[in-house]
Amino acid sequence: MKSSLFKEVFQLFKFIQDIFLGVQKILMPPKAFSWQTFIYLSVFSWGSSYFATGSIKVVIAFLGWVFLIAGTAWYTTDDPVRVPGTFMPVGALITGFLVSVFAFGHQENVITTKTIVLWPTLAAIITGIPEFFTGGGALAKTTIPKIEVRQKIIILLAWSMLISCWLQFYFVIDKWIKEYPSLSADNFQRSTFLVRIEPKTNKPQNGNIILNKIQPEIEKQISNKAWSEVERWLLEANQQVGNLGKLLIDENLNEYEERSLWKIEPRISNIPSGYQLDILSIWQGPSENPRGFFLQKTCRIQVKNTNNKSVGAIQCDRNSRFFLGSPPPQR
């Protein structure tokens, strides 16, 4: 019984010892010049920078990044695992990401657009650099790689730069859609490089917003006004609606770059009971349709008698309609 208990205690002690030795092997540098030393120096530098101020803090933090990148690069290239289909080590991706964050990140946002775009290219450069050196450590010497290796480096760098270009293209398109959201109303079926993931927007929302904002303003200027004033207003409708449209566009689309690409115009026609006023929100920006598109909200203006006076009455459609093509000409 005692022998069995002693054996179990010994096995538990041996298990704890193996764990301790494994951790010690990882944490304890085998020699002074090793990747662990660089990692420890980076941790020490960042800890020291916390207590420093001014330019000293910047210098110490900079050294911390340098030590971290050097230690990570060394550790991940000792026994590299390759990215499938390439000779790029996975460690080069990690090191490239750290270099990209260090070079293009900032305190407010560590991962920026440049960080992501340049990551593949930096990883390819880091992969190719060791091929220009022979030996290791302080005994490393520069050399020119064999032609087969040079070809691999050029192909890898070209593919990585192509990936960076596509990433940059994505961010450019994303920025355009945010600044010019009405572009999302277009049809991208004939595009060779754009694919619609989200459902198509039936109406450009910004153009619809202006129509909904201008409708009550026009109703105020016409409703219950003397019919002679209403007809005078209709004669000056181009100027009245145009000025009001510009004011509402500046107020409601101030955060969008596309605000200068919208124009509000009226179209007036006679109907048996009075006049029909079509308010057009016209898109003047790029479009898949060469003739563009516009939105239209229709209002009917009629005369009504109140207290033996002829005054104007206006009734507008609740919803606007979307049209592909050029707007009808002004009369």
Protein backbone atom coordinates (compact mmCIF):
# COMPACT_ATOMS: atom_id res chain seq x y z
CA MET A 1 0.00 0.00 0.00
CA LYS A 2 2.77 2.43 0.95
CA SER A 3 4.77 1.42 -2.13
CA SER A 4 1.80 2.16 -4.41
CA LEU A 5 1.23 5.56 -2.78
CA PHE A 6 4.93 6.41 -3.06
CA LYS A 7 4.85 5.45 -6.75
CA GLU A 8 1.86 7.71 -7.45
CA VAL A 9 3.50 10.63 -5.65
CA PHE A 10 6.70 10.06 -7.62
CA GLN A 11 4.77 10.02 -10.94
CA LEU A 12 2.98 13.25 -10.00
CA PHE A 13 6.29 14.87 -9.08
CA LYS A 14 7.81 13.65 -12.38
CA PHE A 15 4.86 15.08 -14.32
CA ILE A 16 5.23 18.50 -12.65
CA GLN A 17 8.97 18.40 -13.26
CA ASP A 18 8.48 17.66 -16.98
CA ILE A 19 6.09 20.60 -17.28
CA PHE A 20 8.55 22.87 -15.50
CA LEU A 21 11.44 21.73 -17.71
CA GLY A 22 9.31 22.25 -20.85
CA VAL A 23 8.40 25.77 -19.82
CA GLN A 24 12.01 26.44 -18.80
CA LYS A 25 13.23 25.22 -22.20
CA ILE A 26 10.92 27.67 -23.94
CA LEU A 27 11.55 30.63 -21.66
CA MET A 28 15.23 30.17 -20.89
CA PRO A 29 17.45 31.25 -23.79
CA PRO A 30 19.93 28.51 -24.75
CA LYS A 31 22.50 31.27 -25.28
CA ALA A 32 22.65 35.03 -24.98
CA PHE A 33 22.20 35.62 -28.71
CA SER A 34 18.80 33.99 -29.34
CA TRP A 35 15.23 34.84 -30.30
CA GLN A 36 14.10 34.62 -26.66
CA THR A 37 16.52 37.40 -25.77
CA PHE A 38 14.95 39.71 -28.36
CA ILE A 39 11.43 38.94 -27.10
CA TYR A 40 12.47 39.65 -23.50
CA LEU A 41 14.13 42.88 -24.60
CA SER A 42 10.92 43.95 -26.35
CA VAL A 43 8.86 43.27 -23.21
CA PHE A 44 11.40 45.12 -21.10
CA SER A 45 11.41 48.08 -23.53
CA TRP A 46 7.62 48.40 -23.54
CA GLY A 47 7.54 48.15 -19.74
CA SER A 48 10.20 50.85 -19.48
CA SER A 49 8.41 53.11 -21.97
CA TYR A 50 5.36 53.12 -19.70
CA PHE A 51 7.32 55.03 -17.07
CA ALA A 52 9.20 57.27 -19.53
CA THR A 53 8.02 60.57 -21.01
CA GLY A 54 8.64 62.69 -24.08
CA SER A 55 11.07 61.65 -26.78
CA ILE A 56 12.66 59.03 -24.51
CA LYS A 57 9.37 57.16 -24.39
CA VAL A 58 9.14 57.19 -28.20
CA VAL A 59 12.69 55.87 -28.59
CA ILE A 60 12.21 53.05 -26.05
CA ALA A 61 8.87 52.03 -27.63
CA PHE A 62 10.54 52.05 -31.05
CA LEU A 63 13.24 49.71 -29.78
CA GLY A 64 10.54 47.48 -28.31
CA TRP A 65 8.99 47.07 -31.76
CA VAL A 66 12.39 46.37 -33.34
CA PHE A 67 13.20 43.66 -30.77
CA LEU A 68 9.73 42.09 -31.15
CA ILE A 69 9.96 41.93 -34.94
CA ALA A 70 13.52 40.55 -34.83
CA GLY A 71 12.65 37.91 -32.21
CA THR A 72 9.48 36.82 -34.02
CA ALA A 73 11.27 36.60 -37.37
CA TRP A 74 14.05 34.50 -35.85
CA TYR A 75 11.70 32.13 -34.03
CA THR A 76 9.37 31.54 -36.99
CA THR A 77 12.24 30.85 -39.43
CA ASP A 78 14.14 28.32 -37.30
CA ASP A 79 11.87 25.49 -38.46
CA PRO A 80 9.53 27.20 -40.93
CA VAL A 81 6.06 25.92 -41.84
CA ARG A 82 5.34 26.89 -45.44
CA VAL A 83 2.16 28.46 -46.79
CA PRO A 84 0.60 25.71 -48.98
CA GLY A 85 1.63 26.04 -52.62
CA THR A 86 4.44 28.53 -51.93
CA PHE A 87 7.85 28.66 -50.29
CA MET A 88 6.68 31.51 -48.03
CA PRO A 89 7.05 30.61 -44.34
CA VAL A 90 4.02 31.20 -42.15
CA GLY A 91 6.41 33.13 -39.92
CA ALA A 92 6.94 35.64 -42.74
CA LEU A 93 3.22 36.40 -42.65
CA ILE A 94 3.39 36.99 -38.89
CA THR A 95 6.52 39.13 -39.16
CA GLY A 96 5.08 41.03 -42.14
CA PHE A 97 1.96 41.82 -40.15
CA LEU A 98 4.03 43.14 -37.22
CA VAL A 99 6.14 45.28 -39.56
CA SER A 100 3.00 46.62 -41.25
CA VAL A 101 1.36 47.48 -37.92
CA PHE A 102 4.57 49.11 -36.70
CA ALA A 103 5.03 51.17 -39.88
CA PHE A 104 1.44 52.19 -40.67
CA GLY A 105 -0.60 51.77 -37.48
CA HIS A 106 -1.23 54.50 -34.94
CA GLN A 107 -2.54 54.77 -31.40
CA GLU A 108 -6.13 55.57 -32.39
CA ASN A 109 -6.38 52.63 -34.82
CA VAL A 110 -3.62 50.02 -34.81
CA ILE A 111 -4.91 48.20 -37.91
CA THR A 112 -5.38 50.69 -40.76
CA THR A 113 -6.08 50.32 -44.47
CA LYS A 114 -2.36 50.54 -45.29
CA THR A 115 -1.63 47.87 -42.67
CA ILE A 116 -3.83 45.34 -44.45
CA VAL A 117 -2.97 46.39 -48.03
CA LEU A 118 0.81 46.22 -47.63
CA TRP A 119 0.86 43.10 -45.44
CA PRO A 120 1.15 40.53 -48.32
CA THR A 121 3.87 42.53 -50.08
CA LEU A 122 5.92 42.96 -46.89
CA ALA A 123 5.57 39.23 -46.16
CA ALA A 124 6.94 38.43 -49.63
CA ILE A 125 9.89 40.80 -49.14
CA ILE A 126 10.68 39.25 -45.76
CA THR A 127 10.52 35.79 -47.36
CA GLY A 128 13.05 36.77 -50.03
CA ILE A 129 15.58 38.59 -47.82
CA PRO A 130 17.22 35.44 -46.28
CA GLU A 131 17.92 34.12 -49.78
CA PHE A 132 20.46 36.92 -50.22
CA PHE A 133 22.53 35.79 -47.22
CA THR A 134 24.54 32.67 -46.40
CA GLY A 135 25.57 31.52 -42.94
CA GLY A 136 23.96 32.72 -39.76
CA GLY A 137 24.39 35.20 -36.98
CA ALA A 138 27.47 37.36 -37.08
CA LEU A 139 28.99 35.12 -39.79
CA ALA A 140 26.27 35.88 -42.35
CA LYS A 141 27.50 37.05 -45.75
CA THR A 142 25.66 38.55 -48.70
CA THR A 143 25.22 36.47 -51.83
CA ILE A 144 23.28 36.42 -55.08
CA PRO A 145 20.65 33.64 -55.14
CA LYS A 146 20.60 31.08 -57.92
CA ILE A 147 18.45 31.88 -60.94
CA GLU A 148 15.78 29.35 -59.89
CA VAL A 149 15.50 30.99 -56.47
CA ARG A 150 15.37 34.45 -58.04
CA GLN A 151 12.49 33.35 -60.23
CA LYS A 152 10.61 32.04 -57.19
CA ILE A 153 11.18 35.32 -55.35
CA ILE A 154 9.97 37.42 -58.32
CA ILE A 155 6.84 35.28 -58.80
CA LEU A 156 6.02 35.35 -55.08
CA LEU A 157 6.56 39.11 -54.93
CA ALA A 158 4.41 39.67 -58.04
CA TRP A 159 1.55 37.56 -56.65
CA SER A 160 1.75 39.32 -53.28
CA MET A 161 1.71 42.75 -54.93
CA LEU A 162 -1.31 41.67 -56.98
CA ILE A 163 -3.11 40.66 -53.77
CA SER A 164 -2.19 44.05 -52.26
CA CYS A 165 -3.63 45.78 -55.34
CA TRP A 166 -6.91 43.87 -55.04
CA LEU A 167 -7.13 44.71 -51.34
CA GLN A 168 -6.53 48.38 -52.15
CA PHE A 169 -9.17 48.19 -54.88
CA TYR A 170 -11.66 46.80 -52.35
CA PHE A 171 -11.03 49.67 -49.93
CA VAL A 172 -11.35 52.23 -52.76
CA ILE A 173 -14.71 50.80 -53.85
CA ASP A 174 -15.87 50.64 -50.23
CA LYS A 175 -14.93 54.30 -49.76
CA TRP A 176 -16.78 55.28 -52.93
CA ILE A 177 -19.94 53.48 -51.80
CA LYS A 178 -19.79 55.25 -48.42
CA GLU A 179 -19.24 58.68 -49.98
CA TYR A 180 -21.56 58.06 -52.96
CA PRO A 181 -24.20 55.60 -51.64
CA SER A 182 -26.48 56.24 -54.61
CA LEU A 183 -24.07 54.21 -56.76
CA SER A 184 -25.44 51.10 -55.03
CA ALA A 185 -28.68 51.54 -57.00
CA ASP A 186 -26.84 50.60 -60.18
CA ASN A 187 -26.82 47.19 -61.83
CA PHE A 188 -23.40 45.48 -61.70
CA GLN A 189 -24.31 42.37 -63.73
CA ARG A 190 -22.11 43.41 -66.66
CA SER A 191 -19.13 44.21 -64.43
CA THR A 192 -16.14 41.86 -64.71
CA PHE A 193 -14.75 42.67 -61.26
CA LEU A 194 -17.67 43.75 -59.04
CA VAL A 195 -20.12 41.30 -57.49
CA ARG A 196 -23.20 42.43 -55.58
CA ILE A 197 -23.46 40.65 -52.22
CA GLU A 198 -26.20 42.72 -50.62
CA PRO A 199 -29.66 43.05 -52.27
CA LYS A 200 -29.94 45.84 -54.80
CA THR A 201 -31.38 49.09 -53.47
CA ASN A 202 -34.57 49.86 -55.40
CA LYS A 203 -34.25 53.62 -54.92
CA PRO A 204 -31.23 55.81 -54.19
CA GLN A 205 -31.99 56.80 -50.60
CA ASN A 206 -30.39 60.23 -50.74
CA GLY A 207 -32.47 61.27 -53.74
CA ASN A 208 -35.58 59.97 -52.01
CA ILE A 209 -34.71 61.84 -48.80
CA ILE A 210 -34.60 65.18 -50.65
CA LEU A 211 -37.99 64.55 -52.27
CA ASN A 212 -39.53 63.72 -48.89
CA LYS A 213 -38.00 66.88 -47.38
CA ILE A 214 -39.00 69.23 -50.19
CA GLN A 215 -42.62 68.04 -50.43
CA PRO A 216 -43.90 69.64 -47.17
CA GLU A 217 -42.02 72.87 -47.98
CA ILE A 218 -43.77 73.16 -51.34
CA GLU A 219 -47.12 72.32 -49.74
CA LYS A 220 -46.64 75.23 -47.31
CA GLN A 221 -46.00 77.64 -50.18
CA ILE A 222 -49.10 76.58 -52.16
CA SER A 223 -51.76 75.27 -49.78
CA ASN A 224 -54.51 77.81 -49.01
CA LYS A 225 -52.71 80.58 -50.88
CA ALA A 226 -54.65 82.82 -53.25
CA TRP A 227 -54.95 81.17 -56.66
CA SER A 228 -53.25 84.14 -58.32
CA GLU A 229 -50.24 83.64 -56.01
CA VAL A 230 -50.24 79.94 -56.78
CA GLU A 231 -50.11 80.57 -60.53
CA ARG A 232 -47.34 83.14 -60.04
CA TRP A 233 -45.42 80.59 -57.99
CA LEU A 234 -45.83 78.03 -60.78
CA LEU A 235 -44.45 80.51 -63.32
CA GLU A 236 -41.34 80.85 -61.13
CA ALA A 237 -41.26 77.13 -60.18
CA ASN A 238 -37.85 76.47 -61.76
CA GLN A 239 -36.20 79.06 -59.53
CA GLN A 240 -38.35 78.32 -56.46
CA VAL A 241 -37.84 74.55 -56.52
CA GLY A 242 -34.20 74.79 -57.61
CA ASN A 243 -33.20 77.11 -54.75
CA LEU A 244 -35.17 75.11 -52.21
CA GLY A 245 -33.60 71.89 -53.48
CA LYS A 246 -30.05 73.25 -53.15
CA LEU A 247 -30.75 74.38 -49.59
CA LEU A 248 -32.17 70.98 -48.56
CA ILE A 249 -29.35 69.06 -50.26
CA ASP A 250 -26.74 71.08 -48.36
CA GLU A 251 -28.60 70.54 -45.07
CA ASN A 252 -29.37 66.83 -45.39
CA LEU A 253 -26.49 65.45 -47.50
CA ASN A 254 -23.66 67.40 -45.94
CA GLU A 255 -21.82 64.22 -44.86
CA TYR A 256 -21.81 62.75 -48.39
CA GLU A 257 -19.46 63.71 -51.21
CA GLU A 258 -22.26 62.99 -53.69
CA ARG A 259 -24.32 66.00 -52.58
CA SER A 260 -23.07 68.03 -55.57
CA LEU A 261 -24.28 65.31 -57.96
CA TRP A 262 -27.98 65.71 -57.11
CA LYS A 263 -30.22 68.35 -58.69
CA ILE A 264 -33.89 69.13 -58.01
CA GLU A 265 -36.07 70.34 -60.87
CA PRO A 266 -39.82 70.75 -61.42
CA ARG A 267 -41.95 69.71 -64.39
CA ILE A 268 -45.37 71.34 -64.78
CA SER A 269 -48.21 70.21 -67.02
CA ASN A 270 -51.90 71.11 -67.37
CA ILE A 271 -54.60 68.71 -66.21
CA PRO A 272 -58.39 69.19 -66.39
CA SER A 273 -58.69 70.11 -62.72
CA GLY A 274 -55.62 72.36 -62.51
CA TYR A 275 -51.91 71.58 -62.75
CA GLN A 276 -49.64 68.61 -62.21
CA LEU A 277 -46.30 69.32 -60.56
CA ASP A 278 -43.66 66.63 -60.92
CA ILE A 279 -40.68 67.13 -58.57
CA LEU A 280 -37.60 65.43 -59.99
CA SER A 281 -34.54 64.40 -58.04
CA ILE A 282 -31.94 63.96 -60.81
CA TRP A 283 -28.68 62.03 -60.41
CA GLN A 284 -25.82 63.68 -62.35
CA GLY A 285 -23.08 61.25 -61.30
CA PRO A 286 -21.70 58.09 -62.93
CA SER A 287 -24.18 55.36 -63.75
CA GLU A 288 -24.34 51.99 -65.48
CA ASN A 289 -27.04 53.55 -67.68
CA PRO A 290 -25.41 56.20 -69.93
CA ARG A 291 -28.55 58.36 -69.59
CA GLY A 292 -28.53 58.16 -65.80
CA PHE A 293 -31.60 57.95 -63.59
CA PHE A 294 -33.97 60.13 -61.59
CA LEU A 295 -36.73 59.93 -58.98
CA GLN A 296 -40.09 61.61 -59.34
CA LYS A 297 -42.80 62.63 -56.92
CA THR A 298 -46.07 63.85 -58.43
CA CYS A 299 -48.32 66.52 -56.91
CA ARG A 300 -51.70 67.72 -58.18
CA ILE A 301 -52.52 71.41 -57.68
CA GLN A 302 -56.18 72.39 -57.83
CA VAL A 303 -58.29 75.42 -57.12
CA LYS A 304 -60.88 75.34 -54.37
CA ASN A 305 -63.35 77.93 -53.15
CA THR A 306 -63.18 78.92 -49.47
CA ASN A 307 -65.23 81.83 -48.14
CA ASN A 308 -65.91 82.99 -51.70
CA LYS A 309 -62.16 83.00 -52.39
CA SER A 310 -60.24 80.87 -54.87
CA VAL A 311 -57.26 79.28 -53.11
CA GLY A 312 -54.81 76.58 -53.99
CA ALA A 313 -54.97 72.99 -52.80
CA ILE A 314 -52.15 70.49 -53.31
CA GLN A 315 -52.07 66.73 -52.95
CA CYS A 316 -48.83 64.75 -53.44
CA ASP A 317 -48.21 61.06 -53.92
CA ARG A 318 -47.01 59.32 -50.80
CA ASN A 319 -44.13 57.51 -52.54
CA SER A 320 -41.69 58.51 -55.25
CA ARG A 321 -41.01 56.57 -58.43
CA PHE A 322 -37.65 55.54 -59.84
CA PHE A 323 -36.86 55.94 -63.56
CA LEU A 324 -33.86 54.88 -65.62
CA GLY A 325 -32.92 57.34 -68.35
CA SER A 326 -32.89 61.09 -68.88
CA PRO A 327 -35.59 63.25 -67.25
CA PRO A 328 -38.29 64.74 -69.49
CA PRO A 329 -37.38 68.14 -70.99
CA GLN A 330 -38.52 71.34 -69.33
CA ARG A 331 -41.30 73.28 -70.99
